[in-house]
Amino acid sequence: MDSGETPEETIQREGREECGFVLRPLRFLGKAIEICYAEDERQYFEKHSAFVVAEVIGQDTKAEDDHELLWLSPEDAVQALSHGSHRWAVEQLQSLS
């Protein structure tokens, strides 16, 4: 999140920048703080995450060409995600269905 940005504003900006998606935030899912290790920096850091349920309502030009969009089933996403908080968010989203 950029300074002064809400989680909902962040998801809208990040969706455009990284995926080229226009997103409509639907509901706030939760927040997490996780201690992570950065291998390249050889140090631990505190990762703050906010999770928002959103729907794709349009397509835009993405700003970051070094990102590749991959669609995964929720089960495959839980297996592929490296952060426990991100796995938790996918599991929470599944429980809403």
PDB file of N, CA and C in Angstrom:
ATOM      1  N   MET A   1       0.839  -1.179   0.000  1.00  0.00           N
ATOM      2  CA  MET A   1       0.000   0.000   0.000  1.00  0.00           C
ATOM      3  C   MET A   1       0.881   1.237   0.000  1.00  0.00           C
ATOM      4  N   ASP A   2       0.504   2.192  -0.812  1.00  0.00           N
ATOM      5  CA  ASP A   2       1.177   3.480  -0.783  1.00  0.00           C
ATOM      6  C   ASP A   2       0.653   4.282   0.407  1.00  0.00           C
ATOM      7  N   SER A   3       1.433   5.225   0.866  1.00  0.00           N
ATOM      8  CA  SER A   3       1.056   6.056   1.997  1.00  0.00           C
ATOM      9  C   SER A   3      -0.302   6.718   1.746  1.00  0.00           C
ATOM     10  N   GLY A   4      -1.194   6.590   2.712  1.00  0.00           N
ATOM     11  CA  GLY A   4      -2.506   7.206   2.615  1.00  0.00           C
ATOM     12  C   GLY A   4      -3.535   6.414   1.831  1.00  0.00           C
ATOM     13  N   GLU A   5      -3.142   5.297   1.268  1.00  0.00           N
ATOM     14  CA  GLU A   5      -4.036   4.474   0.448  1.00  0.00           C
ATOM     15  C   GLU A   5      -4.815   3.495   1.326  1.00  0.00           C
ATOM     16  N   THR A   6      -6.076   3.291   0.996  1.00  0.00           N
ATOM     17  CA  THR A   6      -6.867   2.254   1.662  1.00  0.00           C
ATOM     18  C   THR A   6      -6.593   0.915   0.971  1.00  0.00           C
ATOM     19  N   PRO A   7      -6.915  -0.208   1.625  1.00  0.00           N
ATOM     20  CA  PRO A   7      -6.767  -1.505   0.952  1.00  0.00           C
ATOM     21  C   PRO A   7      -7.550  -1.576  -0.359  1.00  0.00           C
ATOM     22  N   GLU A   8      -8.732  -0.977  -0.372  1.00  0.00           N
ATOM     23  CA  GLU A   8      -9.557  -1.001  -1.584  1.00  0.00           C
ATOM     24  C   GLU A   8      -8.913  -0.196  -2.716  1.00  0.00           C
ATOM     25  N   GLU A   9      -8.330   0.943  -2.391  1.00  0.00           N
ATOM     26  CA  GLU A   9      -7.636   1.746  -3.406  1.00  0.00           C
ATOM     27  C   GLU A   9      -6.387   1.017  -3.894  1.00  0.00           C
ATOM     28  N   THR A  10      -5.711   0.342  -2.974  1.00  0.00           N
ATOM     29  CA  THR A  10      -4.509  -0.401  -3.343  1.00  0.00           C
ATOM     30  C   THR A  10      -4.833  -1.507  -4.337  1.00  0.00           C
ATOM     31  N   ILE A  11      -5.890  -2.268  -4.087  1.00  0.00           N
ATOM     32  CA  ILE A  11      -6.230  -3.382  -4.979  1.00  0.00           C
ATOM     33  C   ILE A  11      -6.606  -2.861  -6.360  1.00  0.00           C
ATOM     34  N   GLN A  12      -7.235  -1.697  -6.413  1.00  0.00           N
ATOM     35  CA  GLN A  12      -7.583  -1.126  -7.713  1.00  0.00           C
ATOM     36  C   GLN A  12      -6.316  -0.707  -8.469  1.00  0.00           C
ATOM     37  N   ARG A  13      -5.396  -0.041  -7.781  1.00  0.00           N
ATOM     38  CA  ARG A  13      -4.154   0.397  -8.423  1.00  0.00           C
ATOM     39  C   ARG A  13      -3.287  -0.795  -8.823  1.00  0.00           C
ATOM     40  N   GLU A  14      -3.087  -1.732  -7.908  1.00  0.00           N
ATOM     41  CA  GLU A  14      -2.237  -2.896  -8.197  1.00  0.00           C
ATOM     42  C   GLU A  14      -2.833  -3.768  -9.299  1.00  0.00           C
ATOM     43  N   GLY A  15      -4.155  -3.907  -9.304  1.00  0.00           N
ATOM     44  CA  GLY A  15      -4.805  -4.691 -10.357  1.00  0.00           C
ATOM     45  C   GLY A  15      -4.518  -4.124 -11.740  1.00  0.00           C
ATOM     46  N   ARG A  16      -4.548  -2.804 -11.842  1.00  0.00           N
ATOM     47  CA  ARG A  16      -4.238  -2.144 -13.124  1.00  0.00           C
ATOM     48  C   ARG A  16      -2.762  -2.289 -13.469  1.00  0.00           C
ATOM     49  N   GLU A  17      -1.881  -1.962 -12.512  1.00  0.00           N
ATOM     50  CA  GLU A  17      -0.441  -1.964 -12.780  1.00  0.00           C
ATOM     51  C   GLU A  17       0.080  -3.353 -13.142  1.00  0.00           C
ATOM     52  N   GLU A  18      -0.295  -4.346 -12.384  1.00  0.00           N
ATOM     53  CA  GLU A  18       0.314  -5.671 -12.540  1.00  0.00           C
ATOM     54  C   GLU A  18      -0.425  -6.595 -13.491  1.00  0.00           C
ATOM     55  N   CYS A  19      -1.732  -6.418 -13.634  1.00  0.00           N
ATOM     56  CA  CYS A  19      -2.511  -7.341 -14.469  1.00  0.00           C
ATOM     57  C   CYS A  19      -3.274  -6.658 -15.593  1.00  0.00           C
ATOM     58  N   GLY A  20      -3.408  -5.342 -15.523  1.00  0.00           N
ATOM     59  CA  GLY A  20      -4.221  -4.643 -16.512  1.00  0.00           C
ATOM     60  C   GLY A  20      -5.702  -4.810 -16.262  1.00  0.00           C
ATOM     61  N   PHE A  21      -6.099  -5.114 -15.016  1.00  0.00           N
ATOM     62  CA  PHE A  21      -7.504  -5.314 -14.675  1.00  0.00           C
ATOM     63  C   PHE A  21      -8.084  -4.073 -14.016  1.00  0.00           C
ATOM     64  N   VAL A  22      -9.322  -3.771 -14.369  1.00  0.00           N
ATOM     65  CA  VAL A  22     -10.097  -2.782 -13.644  1.00  0.00           C
ATOM     66  C   VAL A  22     -10.910  -3.594 -12.634  1.00  0.00           C
ATOM     67  N   LEU A  23     -10.684  -3.312 -11.351  1.00  0.00           N
ATOM     68  CA  LEU A  23     -11.316  -4.097 -10.290  1.00  0.00           C
ATOM     69  C   LEU A  23     -12.308  -3.260  -9.498  1.00  0.00           C
ATOM     70  N   ARG A  24     -13.389  -3.930  -9.056  1.00  0.00           N
ATOM     71  CA  ARG A  24     -14.333  -3.306  -8.139  1.00  0.00           C
ATOM     72  C   ARG A  24     -14.221  -4.039  -6.807  1.00  0.00           C
ATOM     73  N   PRO A  25     -13.749  -3.351  -5.767  1.00  0.00           N
ATOM     74  CA  PRO A  25     -13.677  -3.982  -4.453  1.00  0.00           C
ATOM     75  C   PRO A  25     -15.079  -4.314  -3.946  1.00  0.00           C
ATOM     76  N   LEU A  26     -15.233  -5.510  -3.395  1.00  0.00           N
ATOM     77  CA  LEU A  26     -16.536  -5.941  -2.883  1.00  0.00           C
ATOM     78  C   LEU A  26     -16.589  -5.930  -1.366  1.00  0.00           C
ATOM     79  N   ARG A  27     -15.538  -6.469  -0.735  1.00  0.00           N
ATOM     80  CA  ARG A  27     -15.519  -6.488   0.730  1.00  0.00           C
ATOM     81  C   ARG A  27     -14.106  -6.708   1.231  1.00  0.00           C
ATOM     82  N   PHE A  28     -13.862  -6.210   2.407  1.00  0.00           N
ATOM     83  CA  PHE A  28     -12.581  -6.384   3.065  1.00  0.00           C
ATOM     84  C   PHE A  28     -12.565  -7.768   3.696  1.00  0.00           C
ATOM     85  N   LEU A  29     -11.499  -8.532   3.465  1.00  0.00           N
ATOM     86  CA  LEU A  29     -11.407  -9.899   3.970  1.00  0.00           C
ATOM     87  C   LEU A  29     -10.620  -9.977   5.271  1.00  0.00           C
ATOM     88  N   GLY A  30      -9.540  -9.226   5.381  1.00  0.00           N
ATOM     89  CA  GLY A  30      -8.754  -9.258   6.618  1.00  0.00           C
ATOM     90  C   GLY A  30      -7.352  -8.734   6.415  1.00  0.00           C
ATOM     91  N   LYS A  31      -6.614  -8.653   7.531  1.00  0.00           N
ATOM     92  CA  LYS A  31      -5.224  -8.203   7.523  1.00  0.00           C
ATOM     93  C   LYS A  31      -4.360  -9.283   8.157  1.00  0.00           C
ATOM     94  N   ALA A  32      -3.075  -9.264   7.809  1.00  0.00           N
ATOM     95  CA  ALA A  32      -2.131 -10.201   8.409  1.00  0.00           C
ATOM     96  C   ALA A  32      -0.767  -9.541   8.518  1.00  0.00           C
ATOM     97  N   ILE A  33      -0.039  -9.939   9.548  1.00  0.00           N
ATOM     98  CA  ILE A  33       1.360  -9.562   9.698  1.00  0.00           C
ATOM     99  C   ILE A  33       2.128 -10.867   9.813  1.00  0.00           C
ATOM    100  N   GLU A  34       3.136 -11.012   8.974  1.00  0.00           N
ATOM    101  CA  GLU A  34       3.892 -12.270   8.908  1.00  0.00           C
ATOM    102  C   GLU A  34       5.385 -11.952   8.897  1.00  0.00           C
ATOM    103  N   ILE A  35       6.152 -12.742   9.605  1.00  0.00           N
ATOM    104  CA  ILE A  35       7.605 -12.602   9.580  1.00  0.00           C
ATOM    105  C   ILE A  35       8.121 -13.469   8.431  1.00  0.00           C
ATOM    106  N   CYS A  36       8.834 -12.849   7.479  1.00  0.00           N
ATOM    107  CA  CYS A  36       9.329 -13.532   6.288  1.00  0.00           C
ATOM    108  C   CYS A  36      10.841 -13.371   6.194  1.00  0.00           C
ATOM    109  N   TYR A  37      11.449 -14.298   5.493  1.00  0.00           N
ATOM    110  CA  TYR A  37      12.890 -14.251   5.288  1.00  0.00           C
ATOM    111  C   TYR A  37      13.172 -13.917   3.827  1.00  0.00           C
ATOM    112  N   ALA A  38      13.989 -12.886   3.601  1.00  0.00           N
ATOM    113  CA  ALA A  38      14.396 -12.509   2.251  1.00  0.00           C
ATOM    114  C   ALA A  38      15.743 -13.156   1.978  1.00  0.00           C
ATOM    115  N   GLU A  39      15.739 -14.195   1.183  1.00  0.00           N
ATOM    116  CA  GLU A  39      16.956 -14.959   0.886  1.00  0.00           C
ATOM    117  C   GLU A  39      18.040 -14.076   0.284  1.00  0.00           C
ATOM    118  N   ASP A  40      17.664 -13.234  -0.668  1.00  0.00           N
ATOM    119  CA  ASP A  40      18.659 -12.395  -1.347  1.00  0.00           C
ATOM    120  C   ASP A  40      19.280 -11.346  -0.414  1.00  0.00           C
ATOM    121  N   GLU A  41      18.528 -10.925   0.607  1.00  0.00           N
ATOM    122  CA  GLU A  41      19.042  -9.934   1.553  1.00  0.00           C
ATOM    123  C   GLU A  41      19.545 -10.578   2.851  1.00  0.00           C
ATOM    124  N   ARG A  42      19.261 -11.868   2.983  1.00  0.00           N
ATOM    125  CA  ARG A  42      19.655 -12.627   4.178  1.00  0.00           C
ATOM    126  C   ARG A  42      19.196 -11.967   5.471  1.00  0.00           C
ATOM    127  N   GLN A  43      17.935 -11.570   5.464  1.00  0.00           N
ATOM    128  CA  GLN A  43      17.373 -10.981   6.672  1.00  0.00           C
ATOM    129  C   GLN A  43      15.863 -11.209   6.733  1.00  0.00           C
ATOM    130  N   TYR A  44      15.328 -11.123   7.944  1.00  0.00           N
ATOM    131  CA  TYR A  44      13.895 -11.249   8.166  1.00  0.00           C
ATOM    132  C   TYR A  44      13.251  -9.870   8.083  1.00  0.00           C
ATOM    133  N   PHE A  45      11.989  -9.860   7.680  1.00  0.00           N
ATOM    134  CA  PHE A  45      11.240  -8.608   7.646  1.00  0.00           C
ATOM    135  C   PHE A  45       9.795  -8.890   8.015  1.00  0.00           C
ATOM    136  N   GLU A  46       9.109  -7.847   8.421  1.00  0.00           N
ATOM    137  CA  GLU A  46       7.710  -7.933   8.793  1.00  0.00           C
ATOM    138  C   GLU A  46       6.867  -7.590   7.569  1.00  0.00           C
ATOM    139  N   LYS A  47       6.101  -8.568   7.079  1.00  0.00           N
ATOM    140  CA  LYS A  47       5.263  -8.371   5.885  1.00  0.00           C
ATOM    141  C   LYS A  47       3.834  -8.079   6.332  1.00  0.00           C
ATOM    142  N   HIS A  48       3.358  -6.892   5.989  1.00  0.00           N
ATOM    143  CA  HIS A  48       1.978  -6.501   6.288  1.00  0.00           C
ATOM    144  C   HIS A  48       1.142  -6.709   5.028  1.00  0.00           C
ATOM    145  N   SER A  49       0.032  -7.397   5.171  1.00  0.00           N
ATOM    146  CA  SER A  49      -0.846  -7.660   4.020  1.00  0.00           C
ATOM    147  C   SER A  49      -2.282  -7.300   4.385  1.00  0.00           C
ATOM    148  N   ALA A  50      -3.010  -6.820   3.411  1.00  0.00           N
ATOM    149  CA  ALA A  50      -4.447  -6.581   3.535  1.00  0.00           C
ATOM    150  C   ALA A  50      -5.103  -7.304   2.366  1.00  0.00           C
ATOM    151  N   PHE A  51      -6.201  -7.979   2.631  1.00  0.00           N
ATOM    152  CA  PHE A  51      -6.857  -8.798   1.614  1.00  0.00           C
ATOM    153  C   PHE A  51      -8.268  -8.272   1.353  1.00  0.00           C
ATOM    154  N   VAL A  52      -8.571  -8.080   0.068  1.00  0.00           N
ATOM    155  CA  VAL A  52      -9.843  -7.512  -0.358  1.00  0.00           C
ATOM    156  C   VAL A  52     -10.431  -8.418  -1.433  1.00  0.00           C
ATOM    157  N   VAL A  53     -11.698  -8.761  -1.286  1.00  0.00           N
ATOM    158  CA  VAL A  53     -12.416  -9.499  -2.331  1.00  0.00           C
ATOM    159  C   VAL A  53     -12.829  -8.477  -3.382  1.00  0.00           C
ATOM    160  N   ALA A  54     -12.538  -8.767  -4.650  1.00  0.00           N
ATOM    161  CA  ALA A  54     -12.865  -7.841  -5.731  1.00  0.00           C
ATOM    162  C   ALA A  54     -13.294  -8.624  -6.964  1.00  0.00           C
ATOM    163  N   GLU A  55     -13.967  -7.933  -7.862  1.00  0.00           N
ATOM    164  CA  GLU A  55     -14.334  -8.561  -9.135  1.00  0.00           C
ATOM    165  C   GLU A  55     -13.724  -7.773 -10.279  1.00  0.00           C
ATOM    166  N   VAL A  56     -13.384  -8.488 -11.337  1.00  0.00           N
ATOM    167  CA  VAL A  56     -12.837  -7.858 -12.538  1.00  0.00           C
ATOM    168  C   VAL A  56     -14.011  -7.289 -13.323  1.00  0.00           C
ATOM    169  N   ILE A  57     -13.974  -5.971 -13.580  1.00  0.00           N
ATOM    170  CA  ILE A  57     -15.068  -5.337 -14.320  1.00  0.00           C
ATOM    171  C   ILE A  57     -14.611  -4.755 -15.645  1.00  0.00           C
ATOM    172  N   GLY A  58     -13.313  -4.848 -15.936  1.00  0.00           N
ATOM    173  CA  GLY A  58     -12.808  -4.312 -17.191  1.00  0.00           C
ATOM    174  C   GLY A  58     -11.345  -4.637 -17.384  1.00  0.00           C
ATOM    175  N   GLN A  59     -10.841  -4.265 -18.534  1.00  0.00           N
ATOM    176  CA  GLN A  59      -9.454  -4.509 -18.915  1.00  0.00           C
ATOM    177  C   GLN A  59      -8.807  -3.178 -19.239  1.00  0.00           C
ATOM    178  N   ASP A  60      -7.546  -3.029 -18.844  1.00  0.00           N
ATOM    179  CA  ASP A  60      -6.784  -1.816 -19.093  1.00  0.00           C
ATOM    180  C   ASP A  60      -5.386  -2.257 -19.520  1.00  0.00           C
ATOM    181  N   THR A  61      -4.535  -1.321 -19.855  1.00  0.00           N
ATOM    182  CA  THR A  61      -3.157  -1.645 -20.201  1.00  0.00           C
ATOM    183  C   THR A  61      -2.342  -1.756 -18.925  1.00  0.00           C
ATOM    184  N   LYS A  62      -1.672  -2.895 -18.722  1.00  0.00           N
ATOM    185  CA  LYS A  62      -0.865  -3.037 -17.510  1.00  0.00           C
ATOM    186  C   LYS A  62       0.410  -2.223 -17.635  1.00  0.00           C
ATOM    187  N   ALA A  63       0.889  -1.730 -16.509  1.00  0.00           N
ATOM    188  CA  ALA A  63       2.054  -0.856 -16.496  1.00  0.00           C
ATOM    189  C   ALA A  63       3.357  -1.616 -16.285  1.00  0.00           C
ATOM    190  N   GLU A  64       3.263  -2.815 -15.728  1.00  0.00           N
ATOM    191  CA  GLU A  64       4.470  -3.567 -15.385  1.00  0.00           C
ATOM    192  C   GLU A  64       4.576  -4.801 -16.283  1.00  0.00           C
ATOM    193  N   ASP A  65       5.426  -4.718 -17.298  1.00  0.00           N
ATOM    194  CA  ASP A  65       5.539  -5.791 -18.275  1.00  0.00           C
ATOM    195  C   ASP A  65       6.253  -7.032 -17.746  1.00  0.00           C
ATOM    196  N   ASP A  66       6.916  -6.928 -16.595  1.00  0.00           N
ATOM    197  CA  ASP A  66       7.652  -8.072 -16.063  1.00  0.00           C
ATOM    198  C   ASP A  66       6.772  -9.015 -15.246  1.00  0.00           C
ATOM    199  N   HIS A  67       5.454  -8.800 -15.240  1.00  0.00           N
ATOM    200  CA  HIS A  67       4.532  -9.667 -14.512  1.00  0.00           C
ATOM    201  C   HIS A  67       3.784 -10.559 -15.499  1.00  0.00           C
ATOM    202  N   GLU A  68       3.615 -11.803 -15.112  1.00  0.00           N
ATOM    203  CA  GLU A  68       2.854 -12.746 -15.934  1.00  0.00           C
ATOM    204  C   GLU A  68       1.649 -13.222 -15.139  1.00  0.00           C
ATOM    205  N   LEU A  69       0.472 -13.130 -15.724  1.00  0.00           N
ATOM    206  CA  LEU A  69      -0.755 -13.554 -15.069  1.00  0.00           C
ATOM    207  C   LEU A  69      -0.959 -15.055 -15.275  1.00  0.00           C
ATOM    208  N   LEU A  70      -1.141 -15.768 -14.177  1.00  0.00           N
ATOM    209  CA  LEU A  70      -1.452 -17.193 -14.213  1.00  0.00           C
ATOM    210  C   LEU A  70      -2.721 -17.430 -13.415  1.00  0.00           C
ATOM    211  N   TRP A  71      -3.703 -18.073 -14.011  1.00  0.00           N
ATOM    212  CA  TRP A  71      -4.925 -18.416 -13.288  1.00  0.00           C
ATOM    213  C   TRP A  71      -4.757 -19.804 -12.702  1.00  0.00           C
ATOM    214  N   LEU A  72      -5.013 -19.940 -11.418  1.00  0.00           N
ATOM    215  CA  LEU A  72      -4.906 -21.223 -10.720  1.00  0.00           C
ATOM    216  C   LEU A  72      -6.224 -21.502 -10.007  1.00  0.00           C
ATOM    217  N   SER A  73      -6.534 -22.779  -9.844  1.00  0.00           N
ATOM    218  CA  SER A  73      -7.663 -23.135  -8.993  1.00  0.00           C
ATOM    219  C   SER A  73      -7.290 -22.752  -7.559  1.00  0.00           C
ATOM    220  N   PRO A  74      -8.262 -22.551  -6.689  1.00  0.00           N
ATOM    221  CA  PRO A  74      -7.923 -22.229  -5.296  1.00  0.00           C
ATOM    222  C   PRO A  74      -7.021 -23.284  -4.653  1.00  0.00           C
ATOM    223  N   GLU A  75      -7.260 -24.541  -4.952  1.00  0.00           N
ATOM    224  CA  GLU A  75      -6.434 -25.619  -4.384  1.00  0.00           C
ATOM    225  C   GLU A  75      -4.989 -25.524  -4.868  1.00  0.00           C
ATOM    226  N   ASP A  76      -4.810 -25.264  -6.156  1.00  0.00           N
ATOM    227  CA  ASP A  76      -3.456 -25.115  -6.699  1.00  0.00           C
ATOM    228  C   ASP A  76      -2.782 -23.845  -6.180  1.00  0.00           C
ATOM    229  N   ALA A  77      -3.572 -22.780  -5.996  1.00  0.00           N
ATOM    230  CA  ALA A  77      -3.012 -21.530  -5.469  1.00  0.00           C
ATOM    231  C   ALA A  77      -2.488 -21.732  -4.056  1.00  0.00           C
ATOM    232  N   VAL A  78      -3.242 -22.428  -3.217  1.00  0.00           N
ATOM    233  CA  VAL A  78      -2.798 -22.688  -1.836  1.00  0.00           C
ATOM    234  C   VAL A  78      -1.477 -23.446  -1.845  1.00  0.00           C
ATOM    235  N   GLN A  79      -1.318 -24.374  -2.769  1.00  0.00           N
ATOM    236  CA  GLN A  79      -0.072 -25.140  -2.866  1.00  0.00           C
ATOM    237  C   GLN A  79       1.081 -24.286  -3.386  1.00  0.00           C
ATOM    238  N   ALA A  80       0.791 -23.346  -4.278  1.00  0.00           N
ATOM    239  CA  ALA A  80       1.846 -22.568  -4.934  1.00  0.00           C
ATOM    240  C   ALA A  80       2.296 -21.350  -4.123  1.00  0.00           C
ATOM    241  N   LEU A  81       1.435 -20.825  -3.284  1.00  0.00           N
ATOM    242  CA  LEU A  81       1.762 -19.599  -2.545  1.00  0.00           C
ATOM    243  C   LEU A  81       2.797 -19.871  -1.457  1.00  0.00           C
ATOM    244  N   SER A  82       3.767 -18.961  -1.342  1.00  0.00           N
ATOM    245  CA  SER A  82       4.845 -19.172  -0.373  1.00  0.00           C
ATOM    246  C   SER A  82       4.554 -18.557   0.992  1.00  0.00           C
ATOM    247  N   HIS A  83       3.649 -17.605   1.077  1.00  0.00           N
ATOM    248  CA  HIS A  83       3.354 -16.960   2.359  1.00  0.00           C
ATOM    249  C   HIS A  83       2.083 -17.539   2.973  1.00  0.00           C
ATOM    250  N   GLY A  84       2.184 -17.909   4.232  1.00  0.00           N
ATOM    251  CA  GLY A  84       1.044 -18.478   4.944  1.00  0.00           C
ATOM    252  C   GLY A  84      -0.156 -17.561   4.969  1.00  0.00           C
ATOM    253  N   SER A  85       0.076 -16.257   5.085  1.00  0.00           N
ATOM    254  CA  SER A  85      -1.048 -15.313   5.106  1.00  0.00           C
ATOM    255  C   SER A  85      -1.793 -15.306   3.778  1.00  0.00           C
ATOM    256  N   HIS A  86      -1.084 -15.497   2.680  1.00  0.00           N
ATOM    257  CA  HIS A  86      -1.727 -15.532   1.364  1.00  0.00           C
ATOM    258  C   HIS A  86      -2.538 -16.820   1.203  1.00  0.00           C
ATOM    259  N   ARG A  87      -1.999 -17.934   1.723  1.00  0.00           N
ATOM    260  CA  ARG A  87      -2.766 -19.187   1.698  1.00  0.00           C
ATOM    261  C   ARG A  87      -4.042 -19.042   2.529  1.00  0.00           C
ATOM    262  N   TRP A  88      -3.908 -18.406   3.692  1.00  0.00           N
ATOM    263  CA  TRP A  88      -5.069 -18.165   4.552  1.00  0.00           C
ATOM    264  C   TRP A  88      -6.139 -17.383   3.796  1.00  0.00           C
ATOM    265  N   ALA A  89      -5.748 -16.337   3.066  1.00  0.00           N
ATOM    266  CA  ALA A  89      -6.704 -15.504   2.338  1.00  0.00           C
ATOM    267  C   ALA A  89      -7.455 -16.304   1.283  1.00  0.00           C
ATOM    268  N   VAL A  90      -6.746 -17.176   0.562  1.00  0.00           N
ATOM    269  CA  VAL A  90      -7.414 -18.017  -0.445  1.00  0.00           C
ATOM    270  C   VAL A  90      -8.408 -18.957   0.238  1.00  0.00           C
ATOM    271  N   GLU A  91      -8.011 -19.532   1.364  1.00  0.00           N
ATOM    272  CA  GLU A  91      -8.913 -20.430   2.089  1.00  0.00           C
ATOM    273  C   GLU A  91     -10.145 -19.678   2.599  1.00  0.00           C
ATOM    274  N   GLN A  92      -9.950 -18.435   3.069  1.00  0.00           N
ATOM    275  CA  GLN A  92     -11.086 -17.625   3.514  1.00  0.00           C
ATOM    276  C   GLN A  92     -12.020 -17.321   2.361  1.00  0.00           C
ATOM    277  N   LEU A  93     -11.457 -17.012   1.208  1.00  0.00           N
ATOM    278  CA  LEU A  93     -12.273 -16.730   0.031  1.00  0.00           C
ATOM    279  C   LEU A  93     -13.084 -17.960  -0.362  1.00  0.00           C
ATOM    280  N   GLN A  94     -12.471 -19.133  -0.298  1.00  0.00           N
ATOM    281  CA  GLN A  94     -13.203 -20.368  -0.610  1.00  0.00           C
ATOM    282  C   GLN A  94     -14.375 -20.583   0.344  1.00  0.00           C
ATOM    283  N   SER A  95     -14.183 -20.228   1.607  1.00  0.00           N
ATOM    284  CA  SER A  95     -15.251 -20.458   2.596  1.00  0.00           C
ATOM    285  C   SER A  95     -16.452 -19.535   2.360  1.00  0.00           C
ATOM    286  N   LEU A  96     -16.275 -18.462   1.596  1.00  0.00           N
ATOM    287  CA  LEU A  96     -17.372 -17.550   1.283  1.00  0.00           C
ATOM    288  C   LEU A  96     -18.296 -18.124   0.211  1.00  0.00           C
ATOM    289  N   SER A  97     -17.781 -19.047  -0.568  1.00  0.00           N
ATOM    290  CA  SER A  97     -18.559 -19.601  -1.698  1.00  0.00           C
ATOM    291  C   SER A  97     -19.631 -20.542  -1.223  1.00  0.00           C
TER     292      SER A  97
END
